[in-house]
Amino acid sequence: MAAEFDDGKDAGALRTIGEVGQALGIKPHVLRYWEQQFPMLRPLKRSGGRRYYRPEDVALVERIDRLVNREGYTLKGALAALKGGDREAAGKAPPARGETAPPPAELAARLRAVRDDLAAALSD
């Protein structure tokens, strides 16, 4: 979903938090909260604390919105996905809402235990 700005400004122009929020359907207080949760989201701040979003900031907000509101990531999971690269590009499905995958070593141990339990059950 690309931001649709209907304000007559150039595509590379700076946008206010209200303009970004309206174009993406995200309330300004949510954008301010995301700035706290995602350190890479840092719009320019001018006098009086007014925020101005660059095109790359808008693109990042769109990615965060997609991860959190469409793909079901938690904020922590979305942050990890943004820091570690895109899971889809790596061929991995996103985790279910509120769920994190166990570390590979723990998963391997669980699988061995299940295999051993099945082998024991079949030998009885």
Protein backbone atom coordinates (compact mmCIF):
# COMPACT_ATOMS: atom_id res chain seq x y z
CA MET A 1 0.00 0.00 0.00
CA ALA A 2 1.69 3.20 -1.15
CA ALA A 3 0.82 6.42 0.60
CA GLU A 4 -1.61 8.51 -1.42
CA PHE A 5 -0.94 12.19 -0.78
CA ASP A 6 -3.51 14.50 -2.32
CA ASP A 7 -1.93 17.80 -1.32
CA GLY A 8 -0.24 18.92 -4.54
CA LYS A 9 3.24 18.62 -3.00
CA ASP A 10 6.16 17.03 -4.80
CA ALA A 11 6.60 13.28 -4.10
CA GLY A 12 9.87 14.00 -2.26
CA ALA A 13 8.42 16.75 -0.08
CA LEU A 14 8.43 16.63 3.71
CA ARG A 15 5.08 15.69 5.25
CA THR A 16 3.61 16.57 8.62
CA ILE A 17 2.51 13.87 11.02
CA GLY A 18 -1.11 14.74 10.21
CA GLU A 19 -0.55 14.35 6.47
CA VAL A 20 1.17 10.99 6.92
CA GLY A 21 -1.49 9.80 9.33
CA GLN A 22 -4.32 10.78 7.01
CA ALA A 23 -2.70 9.23 3.92
CA LEU A 24 -2.02 5.92 5.68
CA GLY A 25 -5.04 5.79 7.97
CA ILE A 26 -2.91 5.86 11.12
CA LYS A 27 -3.66 8.20 13.99
CA PRO A 28 -0.88 10.68 14.92
CA HIS A 29 -0.62 9.35 18.49
CA VAL A 30 0.14 5.89 17.07
CA LEU A 31 2.89 7.35 14.88
CA ARG A 32 4.39 9.11 17.91
CA TYR A 33 4.27 5.83 19.87
CA TRP A 34 5.95 3.97 17.00
CA GLU A 35 8.75 6.55 17.08
CA GLN A 36 9.43 5.42 20.65
CA GLN A 37 9.28 1.71 19.80
CA PHE A 38 11.24 1.78 16.52
CA PRO A 39 14.53 3.67 16.93
CA MET A 40 15.05 3.77 13.17
CA LEU A 41 11.88 5.87 12.75
CA ARG A 42 13.18 9.38 13.31
CA PRO A 43 11.35 12.11 11.39
CA LEU A 44 12.90 15.56 11.33
CA LYS A 45 11.84 17.78 14.21
CA ARG A 46 11.72 21.51 13.79
CA SER A 47 10.95 24.34 16.16
CA GLY A 48 8.18 23.59 18.60
CA GLY A 49 8.75 19.85 18.12
CA ARG A 50 6.84 19.69 14.83
CA ARG A 51 7.58 16.45 13.00
CA TYR A 52 8.32 16.30 9.30
CA TYR A 53 8.45 12.91 7.64
CA ARG A 54 10.82 12.33 4.72
CA PRO A 55 9.81 9.89 1.95
CA GLU A 56 12.01 7.19 3.54
CA ASP A 57 10.25 7.78 6.89
CA VAL A 58 6.88 7.34 5.18
CA ALA A 59 8.11 4.10 3.56
CA LEU A 60 9.24 2.82 6.97
CA VAL A 61 5.87 3.68 8.53
CA GLU A 62 4.20 1.72 5.72
CA ARG A 63 6.41 -1.32 6.46
CA ILE A 64 5.69 -1.11 10.19
CA ASP A 65 1.95 -0.81 9.50
CA ARG A 66 2.05 -3.83 7.17
CA LEU A 67 3.95 -5.96 9.69
CA VAL A 68 1.88 -5.00 12.72
CA ASN A 69 -1.61 -4.46 11.36
CA ARG A 70 -1.76 -6.79 8.37
CA GLU A 71 0.70 -9.61 9.07
CA GLY A 72 0.05 -9.90 12.81
CA TYR A 73 3.52 -9.17 14.15
CA THR A 74 3.91 -7.87 17.68
CA LEU A 75 5.83 -4.60 17.97
CA LYS A 76 8.84 -6.55 19.26
CA GLY A 77 8.57 -8.99 16.35
CA ALA A 78 8.22 -6.19 13.82
CA LEU A 79 11.30 -4.50 15.26
CA ALA A 80 13.26 -7.75 14.96
CA ALA A 81 12.05 -8.23 11.37
CA LEU A 82 13.09 -4.70 10.45
CA LYS A 83 16.50 -5.07 12.09
CA GLY A 84 17.16 -8.57 10.77
CA GLY A 85 15.82 -8.18 7.29
CA ASP A 86 12.57 -9.29 5.73
CA ARG A 87 11.41 -12.81 6.74
CA GLU A 88 9.55 -13.22 3.44
CA ALA A 89 12.76 -12.69 1.51
CA ALA A 90 14.36 -15.41 3.62
CA GLY A 91 11.45 -17.77 2.91
CA LYS A 92 10.19 -17.77 6.49
CA ALA A 93 6.60 -17.24 7.50
CA PRO A 94 5.96 -14.54 10.13
CA PRO A 95 5.20 -15.77 13.63
CA ALA A 96 1.59 -15.88 14.79
CA ARG A 97 0.42 -12.92 16.85
CA GLY A 98 2.05 -12.96 20.30
CA GLU A 99 4.15 -16.02 19.45
CA THR A 100 7.89 -16.35 19.02
CA ALA A 101 9.71 -19.30 17.54
CA PRO A 102 11.95 -21.26 19.93
CA PRO A 103 15.70 -21.19 19.33
CA PRO A 104 16.91 -23.87 16.87
CA ALA A 105 18.69 -25.90 19.57
CA GLU A 106 15.54 -26.00 21.73
CA LEU A 107 13.42 -26.97 18.74
CA ALA A 108 15.83 -29.79 17.82
CA ALA A 109 15.72 -31.08 21.41
CA ARG A 110 11.92 -31.05 21.37
CA LEU A 111 11.84 -32.96 18.09
CA ARG A 112 14.28 -35.60 19.42
CA ALA A 113 12.09 -36.06 22.51
CA VAL A 114 8.98 -36.54 20.36
CA ARG A 115 10.85 -39.01 18.13
CA ASP A 116 12.05 -40.96 21.17
CA ASP A 117 8.52 -41.03 22.64
CA LEU A 118 7.12 -42.33 19.35
CA ALA A 119 9.82 -44.97 19.06
CA ALA A 120 9.12 -46.13 22.63
CA ALA A 121 5.38 -46.27 21.97
CA LEU A 122 5.85 -48.33 18.81
CA SER A 123 8.21 -50.82 20.48
CA ASP A 124 5.71 -51.61 23.28
